[in-house]
Structure formats: C-alpha cells, structure tokens
C-alpha cells in the first residue's frame, strides 16, 4: 500500500470505494427523510420504528464496510511500518462502536 493512501487523519479512497460509500449514505439519507415524512403525516408508531430499525441496520452495514477497509489498508500499513499505537487506536474505535 502506498504511503499516500494511509495518513493519520485523511485517506484517499479508490473511485469504486468512494462511489459505494456515497451510494450507501445517499440511500440512508433517503430512508431518514422517509421517516421524517412518516412522522409529519402521523404514521403509526410501529411502522416508523420498523423504518428506523432499517436505517440502523444500514448504518451498521456502512460502518462494517468502512471498518474492514480501514483495517485492510491503514491499520495493516501502520503495523508493517512498526506503528504499534495504531492497534490502540483501533481498539478504542471498536470500543466506541460497541457502546
């Protein structure tokens, strides 16, 4: 992996990765707008809750994909470079995700 692809606070993504992440976020954004519309139209609570759960599942899927990419690229690169502190950062990130 090239150094320019893994920096401390930025990451250059492939065009395919970028498009996939943006597509997922656009879909989630549409789902959230749909939930807002349901609330505005006084939809039945269980119907709103089901849609909200779908958004949560979509965000979890997004997070899993992003985390996997991070581990395969930045974390692996840093470990090969001897930057052990990256493991601590990964553990802290996982702990925050699991709250």
N, C-alpha and C. Protein backbone atom coordinates (compact mmCIF):
# COMPACT_ATOMS: atom_id res chain seq x y z
N UNK A 1 0.85 -1.18 0.00
CA UNK A 1 0.00 0.00 0.00
C UNK A 1 0.88 1.23 0.00
N UNK A 2 0.56 2.17 -0.82
CA UNK A 2 1.35 3.39 -0.90
C UNK A 2 1.10 4.26 0.32
N UNK A 3 2.14 4.97 0.73
CA UNK A 3 2.04 5.85 1.90
C UNK A 3 0.94 6.88 1.73
N UNK A 4 0.76 7.43 0.52
CA UNK A 4 -0.23 8.48 0.34
C UNK A 4 -1.66 8.00 0.60
N UNK A 5 -1.89 6.70 0.58
CA UNK A 5 -3.23 6.17 0.80
C UNK A 5 -3.60 6.07 2.28
N UNK A 6 -2.63 6.13 3.15
CA UNK A 6 -2.90 5.99 4.58
C UNK A 6 -2.19 7.08 5.36
N UNK A 7 -2.95 8.03 5.74
CA UNK A 7 -2.40 9.11 6.56
C UNK A 7 -3.09 9.07 7.91
N UNK A 8 -2.69 9.94 8.78
CA UNK A 8 -3.26 9.95 10.11
C UNK A 8 -4.72 10.40 10.14
N UNK A 9 -5.07 11.41 9.42
CA UNK A 9 -6.43 11.94 9.52
C UNK A 9 -7.16 12.05 8.19
N UNK A 10 -6.56 11.59 7.12
CA UNK A 10 -7.24 11.56 5.83
C UNK A 10 -6.92 10.24 5.15
N UNK A 11 -7.72 9.88 4.15
CA UNK A 11 -7.47 8.65 3.40
C UNK A 11 -7.98 8.83 1.98
N UNK A 12 -7.12 8.58 1.04
CA UNK A 12 -7.55 8.58 -0.35
C UNK A 12 -8.18 7.23 -0.64
N UNK A 13 -9.40 7.26 -1.16
CA UNK A 13 -10.12 6.04 -1.47
C UNK A 13 -10.14 5.82 -2.98
N UNK A 14 -10.29 4.56 -3.37
CA UNK A 14 -10.44 4.28 -4.79
C UNK A 14 -11.78 4.86 -5.24
N UNK A 15 -11.91 5.08 -6.52
CA UNK A 15 -13.16 5.61 -7.06
C UNK A 15 -14.32 4.68 -6.74
N UNK A 16 -14.10 3.38 -6.83
CA UNK A 16 -15.17 2.41 -6.54
C UNK A 16 -15.57 2.45 -5.08
N UNK A 17 -14.60 2.53 -4.18
CA UNK A 17 -14.90 2.59 -2.75
C UNK A 17 -15.67 3.88 -2.43
N UNK A 18 -15.19 4.98 -2.98
CA UNK A 18 -15.85 6.26 -2.76
C UNK A 18 -17.30 6.21 -3.24
N UNK A 19 -17.52 5.73 -4.45
CA UNK A 19 -18.88 5.68 -5.01
C UNK A 19 -19.78 4.78 -4.18
N UNK A 20 -19.26 3.65 -3.72
CA UNK A 20 -20.08 2.74 -2.91
C UNK A 20 -20.47 3.38 -1.59
N UNK A 21 -19.52 4.02 -0.91
CA UNK A 21 -19.83 4.66 0.37
C UNK A 21 -20.84 5.79 0.20
N UNK A 22 -20.66 6.61 -0.82
CA UNK A 22 -21.60 7.71 -1.08
C UNK A 22 -22.97 7.16 -1.44
N UNK A 23 -23.02 6.10 -2.23
CA UNK A 23 -24.31 5.49 -2.60
C UNK A 23 -25.04 5.01 -1.35
N UNK A 24 -24.32 4.34 -0.46
CA UNK A 24 -24.93 3.86 0.79
C UNK A 24 -25.45 5.03 1.62
N UNK A 25 -24.66 6.08 1.74
CA UNK A 25 -25.08 7.24 2.54
C UNK A 25 -26.29 7.94 1.91
N UNK A 26 -26.31 8.04 0.60
CA UNK A 26 -27.47 8.64 -0.07
C UNK A 26 -28.74 7.84 0.18
N UNK A 27 -28.61 6.52 0.16
CA UNK A 27 -29.76 5.66 0.41
C UNK A 27 -30.24 5.83 1.85
N UNK A 28 -29.30 5.88 2.79
CA UNK A 28 -29.66 6.08 4.21
C UNK A 28 -30.32 7.44 4.40
N UNK A 29 -29.77 8.45 3.76
CA UNK A 29 -30.36 9.79 3.85
C UNK A 29 -31.80 9.78 3.35
N UNK A 30 -32.05 9.07 2.27
CA UNK A 30 -33.42 8.95 1.76
C UNK A 30 -34.33 8.24 2.73
N UNK A 31 -33.81 7.20 3.39
CA UNK A 31 -34.61 6.49 4.39
C UNK A 31 -34.96 7.41 5.55
N UNK A 32 -34.02 8.22 6.00
CA UNK A 32 -34.27 9.14 7.12
C UNK A 32 -35.31 10.18 6.71
N UNK A 33 -35.21 10.69 5.48
CA UNK A 33 -36.23 11.64 5.00
C UNK A 33 -37.61 10.97 4.97
N UNK A 34 -37.63 9.68 4.60
CA UNK A 34 -38.90 8.95 4.60
C UNK A 34 -39.49 8.84 6.00
N UNK A 35 -38.64 8.61 6.97
CA UNK A 35 -39.10 8.53 8.37
C UNK A 35 -39.64 9.89 8.81
N UNK A 36 -38.94 10.94 8.46
CA UNK A 36 -39.42 12.28 8.81
C UNK A 36 -40.81 12.51 8.21
N UNK A 37 -40.98 12.13 6.97
CA UNK A 37 -42.26 12.26 6.29
C UNK A 37 -43.35 11.46 7.01
N UNK A 38 -42.99 10.27 7.47
CA UNK A 38 -43.94 9.45 8.21
C UNK A 38 -44.38 10.16 9.49
N UNK A 39 -43.41 10.75 10.20
CA UNK A 39 -43.72 11.46 11.44
C UNK A 39 -44.62 12.65 11.14
N UNK A 40 -44.27 13.40 10.09
CA UNK A 40 -45.07 14.56 9.72
C UNK A 40 -46.50 14.17 9.34
N UNK A 41 -46.69 12.96 8.82
CA UNK A 41 -48.01 12.51 8.41
C UNK A 41 -48.68 11.65 9.49
N UNK A 42 -48.12 11.70 10.71
CA UNK A 42 -48.69 10.98 11.85
C UNK A 42 -48.85 9.49 11.59
N UNK A 43 -47.83 8.87 11.00
CA UNK A 43 -47.87 7.43 10.74
C UNK A 43 -47.90 6.67 12.06
N UNK A 44 -48.34 5.45 11.98
CA UNK A 44 -48.45 4.56 13.13
C UNK A 44 -47.05 4.25 13.66
N UNK A 45 -46.88 4.34 14.99
CA UNK A 45 -45.56 4.20 15.63
C UNK A 45 -44.80 2.94 15.21
N UNK A 46 -45.42 1.75 15.22
CA UNK A 46 -44.65 0.57 14.82
C UNK A 46 -44.12 0.65 13.38
N UNK A 47 -44.86 1.31 12.49
CA UNK A 47 -44.38 1.47 11.12
C UNK A 47 -43.13 2.35 11.09
N UNK A 48 -43.13 3.40 11.89
CA UNK A 48 -41.96 4.28 11.96
C UNK A 48 -40.79 3.53 12.57
N UNK A 49 -41.06 2.78 13.63
CA UNK A 49 -39.99 2.02 14.30
C UNK A 49 -39.35 1.00 13.36
N UNK A 50 -40.13 0.36 12.52
CA UNK A 50 -39.58 -0.60 11.57
C UNK A 50 -38.64 0.09 10.59
N UNK A 51 -39.04 1.26 10.12
CA UNK A 51 -38.19 2.02 9.20
C UNK A 51 -36.93 2.53 9.92
N UNK A 52 -37.08 2.92 11.16
CA UNK A 52 -35.93 3.37 11.94
C UNK A 52 -34.93 2.22 12.14
N UNK A 53 -35.43 1.03 12.39
CA UNK A 53 -34.56 -0.14 12.54
C UNK A 53 -33.83 -0.43 11.23
N UNK A 54 -34.49 -0.21 10.11
CA UNK A 54 -33.84 -0.41 8.81
C UNK A 54 -32.69 0.57 8.62
N UNK A 55 -32.88 1.81 9.06
CA UNK A 55 -31.80 2.80 8.98
C UNK A 55 -30.63 2.39 9.87
N UNK A 56 -30.94 1.93 11.07
CA UNK A 56 -29.88 1.47 11.98
C UNK A 56 -29.09 0.31 11.36
N UNK A 57 -29.78 -0.62 10.74
CA UNK A 57 -29.12 -1.75 10.09
C UNK A 57 -28.25 -1.27 8.93
N UNK A 58 -28.75 -0.32 8.17
CA UNK A 58 -27.99 0.23 7.04
C UNK A 58 -26.73 0.95 7.54
N UNK A 59 -26.83 1.70 8.64
CA UNK A 59 -25.66 2.36 9.21
C UNK A 59 -24.66 1.34 9.73
N UNK A 60 -25.15 0.27 10.36
CA UNK A 60 -24.25 -0.78 10.84
C UNK A 60 -23.49 -1.41 9.67
N UNK A 61 -24.18 -1.64 8.58
CA UNK A 61 -23.54 -2.21 7.39
C UNK A 61 -22.49 -1.26 6.83
N UNK A 62 -22.81 0.02 6.78
CA UNK A 62 -21.86 1.04 6.34
C UNK A 62 -20.62 1.03 7.23
N UNK A 63 -20.84 1.00 8.55
CA UNK A 63 -19.72 1.01 9.49
C UNK A 63 -18.84 -0.23 9.33
N UNK A 64 -19.46 -1.39 9.13
CA UNK A 64 -18.68 -2.62 8.95
C UNK A 64 -17.81 -2.54 7.71
N UNK A 65 -18.36 -2.02 6.64
CA UNK A 65 -17.59 -1.91 5.40
C UNK A 65 -16.43 -0.93 5.57
N UNK A 66 -16.70 0.21 6.18
CA UNK A 66 -15.66 1.21 6.38
C UNK A 66 -14.57 0.69 7.32
N UNK A 67 -14.98 0.00 8.37
CA UNK A 67 -14.02 -0.56 9.32
C UNK A 67 -13.14 -1.61 8.64
N UNK A 68 -13.73 -2.48 7.85
CA UNK A 68 -12.96 -3.51 7.15
C UNK A 68 -11.93 -2.88 6.22
N UNK A 69 -12.33 -1.84 5.51
CA UNK A 69 -11.41 -1.15 4.63
C UNK A 69 -10.27 -0.51 5.42
N UNK A 70 -10.61 0.09 6.54
CA UNK A 70 -9.60 0.73 7.39
C UNK A 70 -8.58 -0.29 7.89
N UNK A 71 -9.06 -1.45 8.33
CA UNK A 71 -8.15 -2.48 8.84
C UNK A 71 -7.26 -3.00 7.72
N UNK A 72 -7.85 -3.26 6.55
CA UNK A 72 -7.08 -3.80 5.43
C UNK A 72 -6.02 -2.83 4.89
N UNK A 73 -6.28 -1.55 5.03
CA UNK A 73 -5.36 -0.57 4.44
C UNK A 73 -4.53 0.12 5.51
N UNK A 74 -5.10 1.06 6.20
CA UNK A 74 -4.35 1.90 7.15
C UNK A 74 -3.75 1.10 8.31
N UNK A 75 -4.55 0.25 8.93
CA UNK A 75 -4.05 -0.50 10.09
C UNK A 75 -2.94 -1.45 9.66
N UNK A 76 -3.18 -2.21 8.59
CA UNK A 76 -2.16 -3.15 8.11
C UNK A 76 -0.88 -2.40 7.73
N UNK A 77 -1.01 -1.28 7.06
CA UNK A 77 0.15 -0.48 6.65
C UNK A 77 0.94 -0.02 7.87
N UNK A 78 0.23 0.53 8.86
CA UNK A 78 0.91 1.04 10.05
C UNK A 78 1.61 -0.07 10.82
N UNK A 79 0.99 -1.23 10.91
CA UNK A 79 1.63 -2.36 11.63
C UNK A 79 2.90 -2.78 10.89
N UNK A 80 2.82 -2.86 9.56
CA UNK A 80 4.02 -3.20 8.78
C UNK A 80 5.13 -2.17 8.99
N UNK A 81 4.73 -0.92 9.22
CA UNK A 81 5.70 0.16 9.45
C UNK A 81 6.16 0.22 10.91
N UNK A 82 5.63 -0.67 11.76
CA UNK A 82 6.04 -0.70 13.16
C UNK A 82 5.31 0.29 14.05
N UNK A 83 4.21 0.85 13.57
CA UNK A 83 3.44 1.82 14.36
C UNK A 83 2.41 1.09 15.22
N UNK A 84 2.87 0.57 16.33
CA UNK A 84 2.02 -0.23 17.22
C UNK A 84 0.87 0.57 17.82
N UNK A 85 1.01 1.89 17.92
CA UNK A 85 -0.05 2.72 18.50
C UNK A 85 -1.35 2.63 17.69
N UNK A 86 -1.23 2.21 16.45
CA UNK A 86 -2.42 2.05 15.61
C UNK A 86 -3.35 0.98 16.18
N UNK A 87 -2.79 -0.02 16.82
CA UNK A 87 -3.61 -1.07 17.44
C UNK A 87 -4.43 -0.47 18.57
N UNK A 88 -3.82 0.38 19.38
CA UNK A 88 -4.57 1.04 20.46
C UNK A 88 -5.68 1.90 19.89
N UNK A 89 -5.40 2.62 18.80
CA UNK A 89 -6.42 3.44 18.16
C UNK A 89 -7.57 2.58 17.64
N UNK A 90 -7.25 1.44 17.04
CA UNK A 90 -8.28 0.53 16.55
C UNK A 90 -9.13 -0.01 17.70
N UNK A 91 -8.49 -0.42 18.78
CA UNK A 91 -9.23 -0.93 19.94
C UNK A 91 -10.15 0.16 20.50
N UNK A 92 -9.67 1.38 20.60
CA UNK A 92 -10.50 2.48 21.10
C UNK A 92 -11.68 2.73 20.16
N UNK A 93 -11.44 2.67 18.87
CA UNK A 93 -12.52 2.85 17.89
C UNK A 93 -13.57 1.76 18.04
N UNK A 94 -13.12 0.52 18.16
CA UNK A 94 -14.06 -0.61 18.32
C UNK A 94 -14.87 -0.46 19.60
N UNK A 95 -14.23 -0.04 20.67
CA UNK A 95 -14.94 0.16 21.93
C UNK A 95 -16.02 1.23 21.80
N UNK A 96 -15.73 2.29 21.07
CA UNK A 96 -16.72 3.36 20.87
C UNK A 96 -17.87 2.86 20.01
N UNK A 97 -17.56 2.03 19.02
CA UNK A 97 -18.61 1.50 18.14
C UNK A 97 -19.53 0.52 18.87
N UNK A 98 -19.03 -0.12 19.90
CA UNK A 98 -19.78 -1.16 20.60
C UNK A 98 -20.55 -0.64 21.80
N UNK A 99 -20.62 0.64 22.01
CA UNK A 99 -21.38 1.20 23.15
C UNK A 99 -22.83 0.93 22.99
